[in-house]
Each structure stands twice: as C-alpha cells, then as structure tokens.
C-alpha cells in the first residue's frame, strides 16, 4: 500500500517539476501583455519672445523692396504712388487717405500733400464696380464705354492718353451705400506725355497688404 502511495507522490512531484517552467514562461508572457502604459516625459519647446515693436518695424523696413511697401507698414488708410525706372522705384506721393467715395458705379478719391491728387476708377459703362481686376483701361472719362477707365493725376502730373490696369482687392459697403473698407492696386502708363509707369495703392480702413 505504501509503495503505491509513494509511486503516486513521485508522479505528482515529477509533474510539478515539469509544469513549473511552463507556468513561469506563461506568466511572463501574460505580464508583458498587460504591462501598464507609462507616458513619455513631456517635450520642452522653447518659444521665442516677440520682437519689440521698434525692432520689428526696423526689420520690416529693411525687408521692404519699394517705397510703397515702407509707406504701408502699420497703416490701414493711406495712398502711395511710385514710378518705376528699370528695377528701381522712386516715391512720387504718399499720405493718409481720408476722402473717398463711390458714385453710382465707380470709385473716386481726392487727396494730396504738396499737390492735389485725384484718382478715378470705373468699370465699363452701366456696370457696378466690384472686387476684381480691370485690364485694358482707357483714360477717364472714357470715350469707349465698353472698357473700364481710370486716371490718377495731379496739377503737375497728368495724362492725356494712357493704358494700364487696376484691381479692386477689397470693397465693403455699408447698407447706406457708403464705403466701409476698400483696397485698390493700379498701374498707369502715360503715353502722352510719356512717363515711366506709375504704380500705386489706395487703402481705406483695409489691412490688405501691398504686393509687387
């Protein structure tokens, strides 16, 4: 009887020694599968401090390529005209834009420093001026009613004949019909008398940037 019991105990011990490594391996596999997620440490990002206003303005001035780009810095209501001679630009006139109105279908502006400048931008006859580019313009007032018309002139700066283009980049009207915001870019080439191309920008309460 004891011999039989000893044999049974021997079998049990053998089974334990055989299964123990298997159970340890299985436990390790299970424990690795349910490992607790540990998030990585946060990444520290250095945020550059903004430049002082004076320094930022100086950087922008140094980056400006034309006189009108300098005029536009930090301003929402201004006008600027410049002539192009080859790759160089020469400032013709600049200042604050305060008097601008829209007649039935176009845009008129009167302003000036040393000279009394006027600017007229009109679409073809019977059309309402809208945001967009108007090419192949004739001199205002237009004899050709099918083409847009423009004229940027002063007492000592006039054109009897011209061609060019203008682009209304922003135009917001109030319910009353008055202008809330407007941005116009243009280029005017005087043919008589012949002059270098005159390009310019009109902004009234507009943050639309100038561009070349």
C-alpha atoms as a PDB file:
ATOM      1  CA  UNK A   1       0.000   0.000   0.000  1.00  0.00           C
ATOM      2  CA  UNK A   2       2.789   2.381   0.933  1.00  0.00           C
ATOM      3  CA  UNK A   3       4.625   1.507  -2.213  1.00  0.00           C
ATOM      4  CA  UNK A   4       1.628   2.538  -4.273  1.00  0.00           C
ATOM      5  CA  UNK A   5       1.312   5.823  -2.358  1.00  0.00           C
ATOM      6  CA  UNK A   6       4.994   6.527  -2.846  1.00  0.00           C
ATOM      7  CA  UNK A   7       4.598   5.968  -6.555  1.00  0.00           C
ATOM      8  CA  UNK A   8       1.662   8.400  -6.690  1.00  0.00           C
ATOM      9  CA  UNK A   9       3.610  11.090  -4.807  1.00  0.00           C
ATOM     10  CA  UNK A  10       6.578  10.552  -7.084  1.00  0.00           C
ATOM     11  CA  UNK A  11       4.394  11.079 -10.149  1.00  0.00           C
ATOM     12  CA  UNK A  12       2.948  14.273  -8.639  1.00  0.00           C
ATOM     13  CA  UNK A  13       6.405  15.720  -7.908  1.00  0.00           C
ATOM     14  CA  UNK A  14       7.596  14.862 -11.375  1.00  0.00           C
ATOM     15  CA  UNK A  15       4.552  16.623 -12.852  1.00  0.00           C
ATOM     16  CA  UNK A  16       5.195  19.708 -10.705  1.00  0.00           C
ATOM     17  CA  UNK A  17       8.819  19.958 -11.799  1.00  0.00           C
ATOM     18  CA  UNK A  18       7.830  19.517 -15.437  1.00  0.00           C
ATOM     19  CA  UNK A  19       4.994  22.109 -15.395  1.00  0.00           C
ATOM     20  CA  UNK A  20       6.751  24.740 -13.286  1.00  0.00           C
ATOM     21  CA  UNK A  21       8.956  26.203 -16.099  1.00  0.00           C
ATOM     22  CA  UNK A  22       5.955  26.209 -18.448  1.00  0.00           C
ATOM     23  CA  UNK A  23       3.832  28.156 -15.945  1.00  0.00           C
ATOM     24  CA  UNK A  24       6.629  30.640 -15.295  1.00  0.00           C
ATOM     25  CA  UNK A  25       7.004  31.275 -19.048  1.00  0.00           C
ATOM     26  CA  UNK A  26       3.243  31.708 -19.472  1.00  0.00           C
ATOM     27  CA  UNK A  27       3.132  34.144 -16.562  1.00  0.00           C
ATOM     28  CA  UNK A  28       5.893  36.227 -18.050  1.00  0.00           C
ATOM     29  CA  UNK A  29       4.099  36.353 -21.397  1.00  0.00           C
ATOM     30  CA  UNK A  30       0.862  37.396 -19.733  1.00  0.00           C
ATOM     31  CA  UNK A  31       2.504  40.021 -17.549  1.00  0.00           C
ATOM     32  CA  UNK A  32       4.246  41.588 -20.560  1.00  0.00           C
ATOM     33  CA  UNK A  33       0.952  41.698 -22.472  1.00  0.00           C
ATOM     34  CA  UNK A  34      -0.812  43.633 -19.710  1.00  0.00           C
ATOM     35  CA  UNK A  35       2.076  45.964 -18.917  1.00  0.00           C
ATOM     36  CA  UNK A  36       0.991  49.361 -17.592  1.00  0.00           C
ATOM     37  CA  UNK A  37       1.462  52.196 -20.149  1.00  0.00           C
ATOM     38  CA  UNK A  38       3.905  54.801 -18.952  1.00  0.00           C
ATOM     39  CA  UNK A  39       3.662  58.043 -20.975  1.00  0.00           C
ATOM     40  CA  UNK A  40       6.911  59.566 -22.215  1.00  0.00           C
ATOM     41  CA  UNK A  41       8.172  62.676 -20.466  1.00  0.00           C
ATOM     42  CA  UNK A  42       6.857  65.965 -21.932  1.00  0.00           C
ATOM     43  CA  UNK A  43       8.950  67.639 -24.617  1.00  0.00           C
ATOM     44  CA  UNK A  44      10.100  71.082 -23.663  1.00  0.00           C
ATOM     45  CA  UNK A  45       9.700  73.591 -26.512  1.00  0.00           C
ATOM     46  CA  UNK A  46      11.374  76.940 -26.335  1.00  0.00           C
ATOM     47  CA  UNK A  47       9.051  79.728 -27.512  1.00  0.00           C
ATOM     48  CA  UNK A  48      10.841  82.749 -28.888  1.00  0.00           C
ATOM     49  CA  UNK A  49       9.808  86.028 -27.354  1.00  0.00           C
ATOM     50  CA  UNK A  50       8.214  88.518 -29.790  1.00  0.00           C
ATOM     51  CA  UNK A  51      10.462  91.249 -31.073  1.00  0.00           C
ATOM     52  CA  UNK A  52       9.986  94.705 -29.563  1.00  0.00           C
ATOM     53  CA  UNK A  53       7.818  96.937 -31.752  1.00  0.00           C
ATOM     54  CA  UNK A  54      10.737  99.176 -32.702  1.00  0.00           C
ATOM     55  CA  UNK A  55      12.874  96.216 -33.734  1.00  0.00           C
ATOM     56  CA  UNK A  56      10.018  94.560 -35.662  1.00  0.00           C
ATOM     57  CA  UNK A  57       9.394  97.792 -37.571  1.00  0.00           C
ATOM     58  CA  UNK A  58      13.080  98.135 -38.421  1.00  0.00           C
ATOM     59  CA  UNK A  59      13.190  94.528 -39.665  1.00  0.00           C
ATOM     60  CA  UNK A  60      10.129  95.153 -41.850  1.00  0.00           C
ATOM     61  CA  UNK A  61      11.669  98.338 -43.249  1.00  0.00           C
ATOM     62  CA  UNK A  62      14.846  96.518 -44.170  1.00  0.00           C
ATOM     63  CA  UNK A  63      12.786  93.808 -45.909  1.00  0.00           C
ATOM     64  CA  UNK A  64      10.741  96.321 -47.926  1.00  0.00           C
ATOM     65  CA  UNK A  65      11.728  96.449 -51.587  1.00  0.00           C
ATOM     66  CA  UNK A  66       9.816  99.574 -52.666  1.00  0.00           C
ATOM     67  CA  UNK A  67       8.875 102.953 -51.165  1.00  0.00           C
ATOM     68  CA  UNK A  68       5.199 101.988 -51.023  1.00  0.00           C
ATOM     69  CA  UNK A  69       5.954  98.853 -49.042  1.00  0.00           C
ATOM     70  CA  UNK A  70       7.557 101.120 -46.450  1.00  0.00           C
ATOM     71  CA  UNK A  71       4.587 103.512 -46.534  1.00  0.00           C
ATOM     72  CA  UNK A  72       2.143 100.665 -45.897  1.00  0.00           C
ATOM     73  CA  UNK A  73       3.791  99.455 -42.691  1.00  0.00           C
ATOM     74  CA  UNK A  74       1.342  99.681 -39.801  1.00  0.00           C
ATOM     75  CA  UNK A  75      -1.233 101.710 -41.744  1.00  0.00           C
ATOM     76  CA  UNK A  76      -4.783 100.909 -42.878  1.00  0.00           C
ATOM     77  CA  UNK A  77      -5.738 104.219 -44.550  1.00  0.00           C
ATOM     78  CA  UNK A  78      -3.141 105.581 -46.940  1.00  0.00           C
ATOM     79  CA  UNK A  79      -2.229 106.180 -50.553  1.00  0.00           C
ATOM     80  CA  UNK A  80       1.142 105.730 -52.188  1.00  0.00           C
ATOM     81  CA  UNK A  81       2.321 106.303 -55.764  1.00  0.00           C
ATOM     82  CA  UNK A  82       5.711 105.348 -57.169  1.00  0.00           C
ATOM     83  CA  UNK A  83       7.423 105.450 -60.560  1.00  0.00           C
ATOM     84  CA  UNK A  84       9.443 102.555 -61.881  1.00  0.00           C
ATOM     85  CA  UNK A  85      12.708 103.152 -63.713  1.00  0.00           C
ATOM     86  CA  UNK A  86      14.154  99.778 -64.634  1.00  0.00           C
ATOM     87  CA  UNK A  87      14.434  97.828 -61.404  1.00  0.00           C
ATOM     88  CA  UNK A  88      14.316 100.937 -59.221  1.00  0.00           C
ATOM     89  CA  UNK A  89      11.253 102.605 -57.702  1.00  0.00           C
ATOM     90  CA  UNK A  90      11.019 106.294 -56.859  1.00  0.00           C
ATOM     91  CA  UNK A  91       8.395 107.663 -54.488  1.00  0.00           C
ATOM     92  CA  UNK A  92       6.058 110.174 -56.156  1.00  0.00           C
ATOM     93  CA  UNK A  93       3.490 110.881 -53.438  1.00  0.00           C
ATOM     94  CA  UNK A  94       2.165 109.304 -50.260  1.00  0.00           C
ATOM     95  CA  UNK A  95      -0.096 110.230 -47.381  1.00  0.00           C
ATOM     96  CA  UNK A  96      -3.208 109.406 -45.371  1.00  0.00           C
ATOM     97  CA  UNK A  97      -6.398 108.619 -47.263  1.00  0.00           C
ATOM     98  CA  UNK A  98      -9.427 110.305 -45.714  1.00  0.00           C
ATOM     99  CA  UNK A  99     -11.700 111.400 -48.548  1.00  0.00           C
ATOM    100  CA  UNK A 100     -13.047 108.598 -50.710  1.00  0.00           C
ATOM    101  CA  UNK A 101     -16.481 107.962 -52.152  1.00  0.00           C
ATOM    102  CA  UNK A 102     -18.344 105.701 -54.556  1.00  0.00           C
ATOM    103  CA  UNK A 103     -20.570 107.361 -57.166  1.00  0.00           C
ATOM    104  CA  UNK A 104     -23.213 105.311 -58.944  1.00  0.00           C
ATOM    105  CA  UNK A 105     -20.787 102.813 -60.427  1.00  0.00           C
ATOM    106  CA  UNK A 106     -17.166 103.752 -59.688  1.00  0.00           C
ATOM    107  CA  UNK A 107     -14.720 104.955 -57.078  1.00  0.00           C
ATOM    108  CA  UNK A 108     -13.364 108.474 -56.676  1.00  0.00           C
ATOM    109  CA  UNK A 109     -10.757 109.717 -54.242  1.00  0.00           C
ATOM    110  CA  UNK A 110      -9.331 113.163 -53.603  1.00  0.00           C
ATOM    111  CA  UNK A 111      -6.194 113.629 -51.523  1.00  0.00           C
ATOM    112  CA  UNK A 112      -2.855 115.349 -51.623  1.00  0.00           C
ATOM    113  CA  UNK A 113       0.104 116.819 -49.830  1.00  0.00           C
ATOM    114  CA  UNK A 114       2.142 119.169 -51.984  1.00  0.00           C
ATOM    115  CA  UNK A 115      -0.181 118.555 -54.957  1.00  0.00           C
ATOM    116  CA  UNK A 116      -3.899 117.976 -55.097  1.00  0.00           C
ATOM    117  CA  UNK A 117      -4.196 114.436 -56.398  1.00  0.00           C
ATOM    118  CA  UNK A 118      -7.297 112.757 -57.727  1.00  0.00           C
ATOM    119  CA  UNK A 119      -7.959 109.134 -58.619  1.00  0.00           C
ATOM    120  CA  UNK A 120     -10.833 107.695 -60.631  1.00  0.00           C
ATOM    121  CA  UNK A 121     -11.584 104.007 -61.134  1.00  0.00           C
ATOM    122  CA  UNK A 122     -14.626 102.996 -63.165  1.00  0.00           C
ATOM    123  CA  UNK A 123     -15.886  99.737 -64.705  1.00  0.00           C
ATOM    124  CA  UNK A 124     -17.388  99.625 -68.206  1.00  0.00           C
ATOM    125  CA  UNK A 125     -20.493 101.754 -68.655  1.00  0.00           C
ATOM    126  CA  UNK A 126     -23.618 100.644 -66.754  1.00  0.00           C
ATOM    127  CA  UNK A 127     -21.684  98.132 -64.634  1.00  0.00           C
ATOM    128  CA  UNK A 128     -21.226  98.318 -60.877  1.00  0.00           C
ATOM    129  CA  UNK A 129     -17.662  98.203 -59.654  1.00  0.00           C
ATOM    130  CA  UNK A 130     -16.848  95.047 -57.717  1.00  0.00           C
ATOM    131  CA  UNK A 131     -13.847  93.180 -56.368  1.00  0.00           C
ATOM    132  CA  UNK A 132     -11.716  92.038 -59.296  1.00  0.00           C
ATOM    133  CA  UNK A 133      -9.110  93.057 -61.840  1.00  0.00           C
ATOM    134  CA  UNK A 134      -9.894  95.555 -64.615  1.00  0.00           C
ATOM    135  CA  UNK A 135      -7.447  95.434 -67.527  1.00  0.00           C
ATOM    136  CA  UNK A 136      -7.055  97.371 -70.779  1.00  0.00           C
ATOM    137  CA  UNK A 137      -8.303 100.573 -69.217  1.00  0.00           C
ATOM    138  CA  UNK A 138      -8.756 103.854 -71.041  1.00  0.00           C
ATOM    139  CA  UNK A 139      -8.392 107.364 -69.692  1.00  0.00           C
ATOM    140  CA  UNK A 140     -11.217 108.626 -67.500  1.00  0.00           C
ATOM    141  CA  UNK A 141     -13.660 109.916 -68.621  1.00  0.00           C
ATOM    142  CA  UNK A 142     -13.837 107.081 -71.125  1.00  0.00           C
ATOM    143  CA  UNK A 143     -14.892 107.587 -74.716  1.00  0.00           C
ATOM    144  CA  UNK A 144     -15.067 103.819 -75.142  1.00  0.00           C
ATOM    145  CA  UNK A 145     -17.978 102.808 -72.924  1.00  0.00           C
ATOM    146  CA  UNK A 146     -17.154  99.101 -73.239  1.00  0.00           C
ATOM    147  CA  UNK A 147     -13.830  99.385 -71.404  1.00  0.00           C
ATOM    148  CA  UNK A 148     -13.007 100.274 -67.808  1.00  0.00           C
ATOM    149  CA  UNK A 149     -11.480 103.691 -67.181  1.00  0.00           C
ATOM    150  CA  UNK A 150      -9.042 105.181 -64.709  1.00  0.00           C
ATOM    151  CA  UNK A 151      -7.000 108.290 -64.079  1.00  0.00           C
ATOM    152  CA  UNK A 152      -4.544 109.080 -61.301  1.00  0.00           C
ATOM    153  CA  UNK A 153      -3.385 112.664 -61.722  1.00  0.00           C
ATOM    154  CA  UNK A 154      -2.402 115.925 -60.080  1.00  0.00           C
ATOM    155  CA  UNK A 155      -1.981 119.514 -61.222  1.00  0.00           C
ATOM    156  CA  UNK A 156       1.623 118.835 -62.211  1.00  0.00           C
ATOM    157  CA  UNK A 157       1.125 115.196 -63.112  1.00  0.00           C
ATOM    158  CA  UNK A 158      -1.449 114.495 -65.776  1.00  0.00           C
ATOM    159  CA  UNK A 159      -2.014 112.091 -68.653  1.00  0.00           C
ATOM    160  CA  UNK A 160      -3.810 112.908 -71.867  1.00  0.00           C
ATOM    161  CA  UNK A 161      -3.541 109.308 -73.027  1.00  0.00           C
ATOM    162  CA  UNK A 162      -2.811 106.203 -71.005  1.00  0.00           C
ATOM    163  CA  UNK A 163      -3.225 102.481 -70.632  1.00  0.00           C
ATOM    164  CA  UNK A 164      -2.916 100.179 -67.660  1.00  0.00           C
ATOM    165  CA  UNK A 165      -4.972  98.229 -65.161  1.00  0.00           C
ATOM    166  CA  UNK A 166      -6.422  98.444 -61.682  1.00  0.00           C
ATOM    167  CA  UNK A 167      -7.534  95.795 -59.224  1.00  0.00           C
ATOM    168  CA  UNK A 168     -10.148  96.191 -56.517  1.00  0.00           C
ATOM    169  CA  UNK A 169      -8.888  93.782 -53.884  1.00  0.00           C
ATOM    170  CA  UNK A 170     -11.392  94.709 -51.182  1.00  0.00           C
ATOM    171  CA  UNK A 171     -14.676  96.598 -51.306  1.00  0.00           C
ATOM    172  CA  UNK A 172     -17.137  96.568 -48.425  1.00  0.00           C
ATOM    173  CA  UNK A 173     -20.192  98.819 -48.499  1.00  0.00           C
ATOM    174  CA  UNK A 174     -22.455  99.750 -45.624  1.00  0.00           C
ATOM    175  CA  UNK A 175     -26.245  99.365 -46.038  1.00  0.00           C
ATOM    176  CA  UNK A 176     -26.354 103.125 -46.601  1.00  0.00           C
ATOM    177  CA  UNK A 177     -24.099 102.702 -49.642  1.00  0.00           C
ATOM    178  CA  UNK A 178     -21.079 104.356 -48.050  1.00  0.00           C
ATOM    179  CA  UNK A 179     -17.712 102.614 -48.178  1.00  0.00           C
ATOM    180  CA  UNK A 180     -16.615 100.725 -45.100  1.00  0.00           C
ATOM    181  CA  UNK A 181     -13.337  99.320 -46.466  1.00  0.00           C
ATOM    182  CA  UNK A 182     -11.577  99.469 -49.808  1.00  0.00           C
ATOM    183  CA  UNK A 183      -8.236  98.362 -51.238  1.00  0.00           C
ATOM    184  CA  UNK A 184      -7.111  99.188 -54.787  1.00  0.00           C
ATOM    185  CA  UNK A 185      -3.850  98.455 -56.610  1.00  0.00           C
ATOM    186  CA  UNK A 186      -3.109 100.008 -60.002  1.00  0.00           C
ATOM    187  CA  UNK A 187      -0.532 100.622 -62.693  1.00  0.00           C
ATOM    188  CA  UNK A 188      -0.854 103.537 -65.099  1.00  0.00           C
ATOM    189  CA  UNK A 189       1.316 104.123 -68.144  1.00  0.00           C
ATOM    190  CA  UNK A 190       1.146 107.652 -69.548  1.00  0.00           C
ATOM    191  CA  UNK A 191       1.558 107.738 -73.316  1.00  0.00           C
ATOM    192  CA  UNK A 192       1.063 111.481 -73.726  1.00  0.00           C
ATOM    193  CA  UNK A 193       3.129 112.960 -72.225  1.00  0.00           C
ATOM    194  CA  UNK A 194       5.333 109.902 -71.963  1.00  0.00           C
ATOM    195  CA  UNK A 195       6.295 108.995 -68.409  1.00  0.00           C
ATOM    196  CA  UNK A 196       7.659 105.996 -66.509  1.00  0.00           C
ATOM    197  CA  UNK A 197       4.957 103.593 -65.286  1.00  0.00           C
ATOM    198  CA  UNK A 198       3.139 104.852 -62.200  1.00  0.00           C
ATOM    199  CA  UNK A 199       2.020 102.165 -59.777  1.00  0.00           C
ATOM    200  CA  UNK A 200       0.270 102.666 -56.507  1.00  0.00           C
ATOM    201  CA  UNK A 201      -2.019 101.602 -53.720  1.00  0.00           C
ATOM    202  CA  UNK A 202      -5.100 103.065 -52.103  1.00  0.00           C
ATOM    203  CA  UNK A 203      -6.218 101.698 -48.748  1.00  0.00           C
ATOM    204  CA  UNK A 204      -9.138 102.877 -46.667  1.00  0.00           C
ATOM    205  CA  UNK A 205      -9.535 101.067 -43.330  1.00  0.00           C
ATOM    206  CA  UNK A 206      -8.081  97.997 -45.013  1.00  0.00           C
ATOM    207  CA  UNK A 207      -5.384  95.600 -43.847  1.00  0.00           C
ATOM    208  CA  UNK A 208      -4.943  94.076 -47.320  1.00  0.00           C
ATOM    209  CA  UNK A 209      -1.158  94.100 -47.847  1.00  0.00           C
ATOM    210  CA  UNK A 210       0.575  95.730 -50.788  1.00  0.00           C
ATOM    211  CA  UNK A 211       2.293  93.386 -53.226  1.00  0.00           C
ATOM    212  CA  UNK A 212       4.621  93.645 -56.158  1.00  0.00           C
END
